N, C-alpha and C. Protein backbone atom coordinates (compact mmCIF):
# COMPACT_ATOMS: atom_id res chain seq x y z
N MET A 1 5.58 -14.91 18.57
CA MET A 1 5.47 -14.86 17.13
C MET A 1 4.90 -13.51 16.72
N SER A 2 5.56 -12.86 15.79
CA SER A 2 5.09 -11.54 15.39
C SER A 2 3.99 -11.66 14.34
N LYS A 3 3.16 -10.65 14.33
CA LYS A 3 2.03 -10.60 13.42
C LYS A 3 2.51 -10.29 12.01
N LEU A 4 1.94 -10.97 11.04
CA LEU A 4 2.28 -10.69 9.64
C LEU A 4 1.66 -9.37 9.22
N PRO A 5 2.35 -8.62 8.35
CA PRO A 5 1.74 -7.40 7.83
C PRO A 5 0.53 -7.77 6.97
N VAL A 6 -0.44 -6.88 6.93
CA VAL A 6 -1.66 -7.09 6.15
C VAL A 6 -1.63 -6.16 4.94
N ILE A 7 -1.76 -6.75 3.75
CA ILE A 7 -1.78 -5.99 2.50
C ILE A 7 -3.14 -6.19 1.85
N LEU A 8 -3.79 -5.10 1.49
CA LEU A 8 -5.06 -5.14 0.78
C LEU A 8 -4.80 -4.66 -0.65
N ILE A 9 -5.09 -5.52 -1.62
CA ILE A 9 -4.91 -5.19 -3.03
C ILE A 9 -6.30 -4.94 -3.62
N VAL A 10 -6.48 -3.76 -4.24
CA VAL A 10 -7.79 -3.38 -4.77
C VAL A 10 -7.65 -3.08 -6.25
N ASP A 11 -8.36 -3.86 -7.07
CA ASP A 11 -8.33 -3.66 -8.52
C ASP A 11 -9.58 -4.32 -9.09
N ASP A 12 -10.21 -3.68 -10.06
CA ASP A 12 -11.41 -4.25 -10.67
C ASP A 12 -11.08 -5.33 -11.70
N ASP A 13 -9.81 -5.46 -12.06
CA ASP A 13 -9.38 -6.46 -13.03
C ASP A 13 -8.86 -7.69 -12.28
N GLU A 14 -9.56 -8.80 -12.42
CA GLU A 14 -9.22 -10.04 -11.71
C GLU A 14 -7.80 -10.50 -12.01
N LEU A 15 -7.36 -10.34 -13.26
CA LEU A 15 -6.00 -10.75 -13.64
C LEU A 15 -4.96 -9.92 -12.87
N ASN A 16 -5.17 -8.61 -12.77
CA ASN A 16 -4.24 -7.75 -12.01
C ASN A 16 -4.20 -8.15 -10.54
N LEU A 17 -5.36 -8.46 -9.97
CA LEU A 17 -5.41 -8.90 -8.57
C LEU A 17 -4.60 -10.18 -8.37
N THR A 18 -4.83 -11.14 -9.25
CA THR A 18 -4.15 -12.43 -9.15
C THR A 18 -2.64 -12.27 -9.33
N MET A 19 -2.25 -11.46 -10.32
CA MET A 19 -0.81 -11.26 -10.56
C MET A 19 -0.14 -10.58 -9.39
N ALA A 20 -0.71 -9.50 -8.91
CA ALA A 20 -0.11 -8.77 -7.80
C ALA A 20 0.00 -9.66 -6.56
N LYS A 21 -1.07 -10.38 -6.25
CA LYS A 21 -1.06 -11.27 -5.09
C LYS A 21 0.00 -12.35 -5.24
N SER A 22 0.08 -12.96 -6.41
CA SER A 22 1.06 -14.03 -6.64
C SER A 22 2.49 -13.51 -6.52
N ILE A 23 2.76 -12.35 -7.08
CA ILE A 23 4.10 -11.76 -7.03
C ILE A 23 4.50 -11.49 -5.58
N ILE A 24 3.59 -10.89 -4.83
CA ILE A 24 3.90 -10.54 -3.44
C ILE A 24 4.08 -11.79 -2.59
N GLU A 25 3.21 -12.80 -2.78
CA GLU A 25 3.29 -14.03 -1.98
C GLU A 25 4.63 -14.75 -2.14
N ILE A 26 5.26 -14.62 -3.30
CA ILE A 26 6.53 -15.30 -3.54
C ILE A 26 7.64 -14.72 -2.67
N LYS A 27 7.63 -13.42 -2.45
CA LYS A 27 8.76 -12.75 -1.78
C LYS A 27 8.48 -12.21 -0.38
N ILE A 28 7.23 -11.95 -0.05
CA ILE A 28 6.92 -11.28 1.21
C ILE A 28 5.94 -12.12 2.02
N GLN A 29 6.28 -12.36 3.27
CA GLN A 29 5.35 -13.05 4.16
C GLN A 29 4.36 -12.01 4.67
N ALA A 30 3.12 -12.16 4.25
CA ALA A 30 2.08 -11.21 4.63
C ALA A 30 0.72 -11.87 4.49
N GLU A 31 -0.24 -11.30 5.18
CA GLU A 31 -1.62 -11.67 4.95
C GLU A 31 -2.10 -10.78 3.80
N ILE A 32 -2.52 -11.39 2.71
CA ILE A 32 -2.92 -10.61 1.54
C ILE A 32 -4.42 -10.80 1.31
N ILE A 33 -5.10 -9.66 1.25
CA ILE A 33 -6.55 -9.63 1.02
C ILE A 33 -6.77 -8.93 -0.31
N THR A 34 -7.78 -9.35 -1.06
CA THR A 34 -8.07 -8.68 -2.32
C THR A 34 -9.50 -8.15 -2.32
N ALA A 35 -9.69 -7.08 -3.09
CA ALA A 35 -11.01 -6.49 -3.27
C ALA A 35 -11.13 -6.06 -4.73
N GLY A 36 -12.33 -6.19 -5.28
CA GLY A 36 -12.54 -5.87 -6.68
C GLY A 36 -13.14 -4.50 -6.95
N SER A 37 -13.32 -3.70 -5.87
CA SER A 37 -13.91 -2.37 -6.05
C SER A 37 -13.56 -1.47 -4.87
N GLY A 38 -13.76 -0.17 -5.07
CA GLY A 38 -13.56 0.78 -3.99
C GLY A 38 -14.52 0.53 -2.84
N THR A 39 -15.76 0.19 -3.18
CA THR A 39 -16.77 -0.09 -2.15
C THR A 39 -16.36 -1.29 -1.30
N GLU A 40 -15.90 -2.35 -1.96
CA GLU A 40 -15.45 -3.54 -1.24
C GLU A 40 -14.23 -3.22 -0.37
N CYS A 41 -13.33 -2.39 -0.87
CA CYS A 41 -12.16 -1.96 -0.11
C CYS A 41 -12.59 -1.28 1.18
N LEU A 42 -13.50 -0.33 1.08
CA LEU A 42 -13.95 0.41 2.26
C LEU A 42 -14.65 -0.51 3.26
N GLU A 43 -15.39 -1.48 2.76
CA GLU A 43 -16.06 -2.43 3.64
C GLU A 43 -15.04 -3.30 4.38
N ILE A 44 -14.01 -3.75 3.69
CA ILE A 44 -12.96 -4.56 4.33
C ILE A 44 -12.25 -3.74 5.40
N ILE A 45 -11.95 -2.50 5.11
CA ILE A 45 -11.29 -1.64 6.11
C ILE A 45 -12.18 -1.50 7.34
N ARG A 46 -13.48 -1.28 7.13
CA ARG A 46 -14.42 -1.16 8.27
C ARG A 46 -14.48 -2.48 9.06
N GLN A 47 -14.58 -3.60 8.35
CA GLN A 47 -14.67 -4.90 9.04
C GLN A 47 -13.42 -5.18 9.86
N ARG A 48 -12.27 -4.78 9.34
CA ARG A 48 -11.01 -5.04 10.04
C ARG A 48 -10.62 -3.90 10.98
N ARG A 49 -11.49 -2.92 11.10
CA ARG A 49 -11.26 -1.75 11.97
C ARG A 49 -9.93 -1.07 11.67
N GLY A 50 -9.61 -1.00 10.38
CA GLY A 50 -8.39 -0.30 9.96
C GLY A 50 -7.12 -1.10 10.15
N ALA A 51 -7.21 -2.36 10.55
CA ALA A 51 -6.01 -3.17 10.80
C ALA A 51 -5.42 -3.67 9.47
N ILE A 52 -4.94 -2.71 8.69
CA ILE A 52 -4.32 -2.99 7.39
C ILE A 52 -3.05 -2.15 7.34
N ASP A 53 -1.95 -2.78 6.94
CA ASP A 53 -0.67 -2.07 6.91
C ASP A 53 -0.43 -1.33 5.61
N LEU A 54 -0.97 -1.86 4.51
CA LEU A 54 -0.71 -1.27 3.20
C LEU A 54 -1.83 -1.61 2.25
N ILE A 55 -2.26 -0.61 1.48
CA ILE A 55 -3.26 -0.83 0.43
C ILE A 55 -2.63 -0.53 -0.91
N LEU A 56 -2.74 -1.48 -1.84
CA LEU A 56 -2.38 -1.25 -3.24
C LEU A 56 -3.70 -0.97 -3.93
N LEU A 57 -3.88 0.26 -4.40
CA LEU A 57 -5.19 0.74 -4.84
C LEU A 57 -5.17 1.19 -6.30
N ASP A 58 -5.96 0.51 -7.12
CA ASP A 58 -6.09 0.91 -8.52
C ASP A 58 -6.77 2.27 -8.59
N ILE A 59 -6.31 3.12 -9.49
CA ILE A 59 -6.93 4.44 -9.65
C ILE A 59 -8.21 4.33 -10.47
N ALA A 60 -8.12 3.70 -11.64
CA ALA A 60 -9.25 3.67 -12.59
C ALA A 60 -10.11 2.44 -12.35
N MET A 61 -11.22 2.66 -11.64
CA MET A 61 -12.18 1.57 -11.41
C MET A 61 -13.58 2.14 -11.63
N PRO A 62 -14.50 1.30 -12.10
CA PRO A 62 -15.88 1.77 -12.22
C PRO A 62 -16.48 1.99 -10.83
N GLY A 63 -17.51 2.79 -10.77
CA GLY A 63 -18.13 3.09 -9.47
C GLY A 63 -17.24 4.06 -8.70
N ILE A 64 -16.83 3.66 -7.52
CA ILE A 64 -15.94 4.50 -6.72
C ILE A 64 -14.51 4.24 -7.18
N ASP A 65 -13.90 5.23 -7.82
CA ASP A 65 -12.53 5.06 -8.31
C ASP A 65 -11.53 5.17 -7.15
N GLY A 66 -10.26 5.00 -7.47
CA GLY A 66 -9.22 5.02 -6.44
C GLY A 66 -9.11 6.34 -5.69
N ILE A 67 -9.26 7.45 -6.41
CA ILE A 67 -9.18 8.78 -5.76
C ILE A 67 -10.30 8.92 -4.74
N HIS A 68 -11.54 8.57 -5.12
CA HIS A 68 -12.66 8.70 -4.18
C HIS A 68 -12.55 7.70 -3.03
N THR A 69 -12.05 6.51 -3.33
CA THR A 69 -11.84 5.53 -2.27
C THR A 69 -10.83 6.06 -1.26
N LEU A 70 -9.72 6.60 -1.76
CA LEU A 70 -8.69 7.14 -0.86
C LEU A 70 -9.21 8.36 -0.11
N THR A 71 -10.02 9.18 -0.75
CA THR A 71 -10.62 10.33 -0.07
C THR A 71 -11.44 9.85 1.13
N ASN A 72 -12.24 8.80 0.94
CA ASN A 72 -13.04 8.24 2.04
C ASN A 72 -12.15 7.70 3.15
N ILE A 73 -11.06 7.05 2.78
CA ILE A 73 -10.14 6.51 3.79
C ILE A 73 -9.52 7.65 4.59
N ARG A 74 -9.05 8.68 3.92
CA ARG A 74 -8.37 9.80 4.60
C ARG A 74 -9.32 10.64 5.45
N GLU A 75 -10.61 10.63 5.14
CA GLU A 75 -11.58 11.40 5.92
C GLU A 75 -11.90 10.75 7.26
N ASN A 76 -11.62 9.46 7.40
CA ASN A 76 -11.91 8.76 8.65
C ASN A 76 -10.68 8.80 9.55
N PRO A 77 -10.79 9.44 10.72
CA PRO A 77 -9.62 9.56 11.60
C PRO A 77 -9.02 8.22 12.02
N ASN A 78 -9.82 7.16 12.03
CA ASN A 78 -9.32 5.84 12.43
C ASN A 78 -8.50 5.17 11.33
N TYR A 79 -8.68 5.60 10.09
CA TYR A 79 -8.04 4.93 8.96
C TYR A 79 -7.12 5.85 8.18
N LYS A 80 -7.07 7.11 8.51
CA LYS A 80 -6.40 8.10 7.66
C LYS A 80 -4.90 7.87 7.48
N ASN A 81 -4.27 7.10 8.37
CA ASN A 81 -2.83 6.89 8.27
C ASN A 81 -2.42 5.57 7.63
N ILE A 82 -3.40 4.83 7.09
CA ILE A 82 -3.05 3.60 6.38
C ILE A 82 -2.22 3.98 5.15
N LYS A 83 -1.13 3.27 4.95
CA LYS A 83 -0.27 3.55 3.79
C LYS A 83 -0.95 3.05 2.52
N VAL A 84 -0.86 3.88 1.47
CA VAL A 84 -1.49 3.54 0.19
C VAL A 84 -0.52 3.74 -0.95
N ILE A 85 -0.46 2.75 -1.83
CA ILE A 85 0.28 2.86 -3.08
C ILE A 85 -0.74 2.76 -4.20
N PHE A 86 -0.72 3.73 -5.11
CA PHE A 86 -1.63 3.67 -6.25
C PHE A 86 -1.10 2.75 -7.33
N LEU A 87 -2.00 1.98 -7.92
CA LEU A 87 -1.70 1.17 -9.09
C LEU A 87 -2.28 1.91 -10.29
N THR A 88 -1.49 2.10 -11.31
CA THR A 88 -1.99 2.87 -12.44
C THR A 88 -1.39 2.44 -13.77
N ALA A 89 -2.22 2.40 -14.78
CA ALA A 89 -1.74 2.16 -16.15
C ALA A 89 -1.23 3.49 -16.71
N ALA A 90 -1.89 4.55 -16.37
CA ALA A 90 -1.49 5.90 -16.79
C ALA A 90 -2.24 6.90 -15.93
N ALA A 91 -1.53 7.84 -15.38
CA ALA A 91 -2.16 8.87 -14.56
C ALA A 91 -1.87 10.24 -15.14
N ASP A 92 -2.92 11.03 -15.27
CA ASP A 92 -2.71 12.39 -15.77
C ASP A 92 -2.25 13.29 -14.63
N LYS A 93 -1.81 14.48 -14.99
CA LYS A 93 -1.25 15.42 -14.02
C LYS A 93 -2.23 15.74 -12.89
N ASN A 94 -3.50 15.96 -13.22
CA ASN A 94 -4.49 16.30 -12.19
C ASN A 94 -4.68 15.16 -11.20
N THR A 95 -4.67 13.93 -11.69
CA THR A 95 -4.81 12.77 -10.80
C THR A 95 -3.62 12.68 -9.85
N ILE A 96 -2.43 12.91 -10.36
CA ILE A 96 -1.23 12.87 -9.52
C ILE A 96 -1.28 13.96 -8.46
N ILE A 97 -1.75 15.14 -8.81
CA ILE A 97 -1.87 16.24 -7.85
C ILE A 97 -2.89 15.88 -6.76
N LYS A 98 -4.05 15.34 -7.17
CA LYS A 98 -5.07 14.93 -6.20
C LYS A 98 -4.51 13.85 -5.27
N ALA A 99 -3.82 12.88 -5.84
CA ALA A 99 -3.25 11.79 -5.04
C ALA A 99 -2.23 12.33 -4.04
N GLY A 100 -1.40 13.27 -4.46
CA GLY A 100 -0.41 13.87 -3.57
C GLY A 100 -1.05 14.54 -2.37
N LYS A 101 -2.18 15.19 -2.60
CA LYS A 101 -2.90 15.86 -1.51
C LYS A 101 -3.51 14.87 -0.54
N LEU A 102 -3.71 13.63 -1.00
CA LEU A 102 -4.31 12.59 -0.17
C LEU A 102 -3.28 11.68 0.49
N LYS A 103 -2.02 12.08 0.48
CA LYS A 103 -0.94 11.33 1.12
C LYS A 103 -0.77 9.93 0.56
N VAL A 104 -0.65 9.81 -0.75
CA VAL A 104 -0.34 8.52 -1.33
C VAL A 104 1.16 8.33 -1.21
N GLU A 105 1.59 7.14 -0.80
CA GLU A 105 3.01 6.90 -0.55
C GLU A 105 3.82 6.69 -1.83
N ASP A 106 3.19 6.08 -2.85
CA ASP A 106 3.94 5.72 -4.05
C ASP A 106 2.98 5.38 -5.17
N TYR A 107 3.53 5.15 -6.35
CA TYR A 107 2.78 4.68 -7.52
C TYR A 107 3.48 3.45 -8.06
N ILE A 108 2.69 2.51 -8.55
CA ILE A 108 3.24 1.35 -9.25
C ILE A 108 2.55 1.30 -10.61
N LYS A 109 3.37 1.28 -11.63
CA LYS A 109 2.84 1.27 -13.00
C LYS A 109 2.43 -0.14 -13.38
N LYS A 110 1.27 -0.23 -14.03
CA LYS A 110 0.80 -1.50 -14.58
C LYS A 110 1.15 -1.53 -16.06
N PRO A 111 1.50 -2.65 -16.62
CA PRO A 111 1.61 -3.96 -15.97
C PRO A 111 2.78 -3.99 -15.00
N PHE A 112 2.65 -4.80 -13.96
CA PHE A 112 3.65 -4.87 -12.89
C PHE A 112 4.95 -5.46 -13.38
N VAL A 113 6.03 -4.88 -12.92
CA VAL A 113 7.35 -5.48 -13.03
C VAL A 113 7.60 -6.09 -11.65
N PRO A 114 7.71 -7.41 -11.56
CA PRO A 114 7.77 -8.06 -10.24
C PRO A 114 8.78 -7.45 -9.27
N ASP A 115 10.01 -7.21 -9.69
CA ASP A 115 11.01 -6.66 -8.77
C ASP A 115 10.62 -5.26 -8.30
N ASP A 116 10.03 -4.46 -9.17
CA ASP A 116 9.59 -3.11 -8.80
C ASP A 116 8.45 -3.19 -7.80
N LEU A 117 7.49 -4.05 -8.05
CA LEU A 117 6.37 -4.21 -7.13
C LEU A 117 6.86 -4.62 -5.75
N ILE A 118 7.71 -5.62 -5.68
CA ILE A 118 8.24 -6.10 -4.39
C ILE A 118 9.02 -4.99 -3.69
N SER A 119 9.88 -4.32 -4.42
CA SER A 119 10.70 -3.25 -3.84
C SER A 119 9.84 -2.14 -3.23
N ARG A 120 8.83 -1.73 -3.94
CA ARG A 120 7.97 -0.63 -3.44
C ARG A 120 7.11 -1.07 -2.26
N VAL A 121 6.65 -2.30 -2.28
CA VAL A 121 5.87 -2.82 -1.15
C VAL A 121 6.76 -2.96 0.08
N GLU A 122 7.95 -3.54 -0.09
CA GLU A 122 8.87 -3.69 1.04
C GLU A 122 9.26 -2.34 1.63
N LYS A 123 9.45 -1.36 0.78
CA LYS A 123 9.82 -0.01 1.25
C LYS A 123 8.77 0.55 2.20
N GLN A 124 7.50 0.23 1.95
CA GLN A 124 6.43 0.73 2.82
C GLN A 124 6.22 -0.14 4.06
N LEU A 125 6.44 -1.43 3.93
CA LEU A 125 6.18 -2.34 5.05
C LEU A 125 7.29 -2.37 6.09
N TYR A 126 8.50 -2.24 5.62
CA TYR A 126 9.65 -2.40 6.51
C TYR A 126 10.46 -1.12 6.57
N PRO A 127 10.90 -0.74 7.75
CA PRO A 127 11.68 0.50 7.85
C PRO A 127 12.98 0.40 7.06
N SER A 128 13.28 1.46 6.42
CA SER A 128 14.51 1.53 5.62
C SER A 128 15.73 1.62 6.53
N MET A 129 16.81 1.02 6.11
CA MET A 129 18.05 1.11 6.87
C MET A 129 18.60 2.53 6.86
N HIS A 130 17.99 3.40 6.09
CA HIS A 130 18.43 4.79 6.04
C HIS A 130 17.60 5.69 6.95
N ASP A 131 16.55 5.13 7.57
CA ASP A 131 15.74 5.93 8.47
C ASP A 131 16.60 6.42 9.63
N GLN A 132 16.38 7.65 10.04
CA GLN A 132 17.18 8.27 11.09
C GLN A 132 17.12 7.48 12.39
N GLU A 133 15.95 6.98 12.75
CA GLU A 133 15.79 6.23 13.99
C GLU A 133 16.70 4.99 14.01
N ILE A 134 16.76 4.28 12.91
CA ILE A 134 17.61 3.10 12.83
C ILE A 134 19.08 3.49 12.86
N GLN A 135 19.42 4.57 12.17
CA GLN A 135 20.80 5.05 12.20
C GLN A 135 21.21 5.42 13.61
N ASP A 136 20.29 6.03 14.38
CA ASP A 136 20.58 6.39 15.77
C ASP A 136 20.82 5.14 16.62
N ILE A 137 20.06 4.08 16.36
CA ILE A 137 20.26 2.83 17.10
C ILE A 137 21.64 2.25 16.80
N PHE A 138 22.02 2.22 15.52
CA PHE A 138 23.35 1.71 15.16
C PHE A 138 24.45 2.56 15.78
N LYS A 139 24.27 3.87 15.82
CA LYS A 139 25.27 4.75 16.41
C LYS A 139 25.39 4.47 17.92
N ALA A 140 24.24 4.28 18.60
CA ALA A 140 24.27 3.99 20.03
C ALA A 140 24.99 2.65 20.28
N LEU A 141 24.73 1.65 19.45
CA LEU A 141 25.40 0.36 19.60
C LEU A 141 26.90 0.51 19.37
N ASP A 142 27.30 1.31 18.37
CA ASP A 142 28.72 1.58 18.12
C ASP A 142 29.35 2.25 19.32
N ASP A 143 28.63 3.23 19.90
CA ASP A 143 29.15 3.97 21.05
C ASP A 143 29.36 3.04 22.26
N LEU A 144 28.53 1.99 22.34
CA LEU A 144 28.66 1.02 23.41
C LEU A 144 29.69 -0.06 23.12
N GLY A 145 30.25 0.00 21.91
CA GLY A 145 31.23 -0.99 21.52
C GLY A 145 30.63 -2.33 21.11
N LEU A 146 29.35 -2.31 20.74
CA LEU A 146 28.68 -3.57 20.36
C LEU A 146 28.62 -3.73 18.86
């Protein structure tokens, strides 16, 4: 039995957490964890020793915001490659530039559009059929006549 992907959703708004979790649970089999702050997010990552496949991270949160939370994640060599999608109601140009430097994989605009949320999460969790490695496998199978 294969391990389910682990998704950590971080947002200070309880309604956003509940909505995102509910939307994802309908379409994607995953272990879904929620956190209400950047501090809680970092603690969960430490407790799980980085065993998280994807973080959906709100940018605008009181205390440690999404940019600072992601900065902390990227500074730790054990966690720096965790995939992160920012959740945002509106991001200014400087925030987008900072996020780009921190290797954010994508952005999801709030309020969530369910199909968009699912599509962006699946894109990060599962390899695309357009990835070169998968195309090479299909070509090798074709060459073998399979």
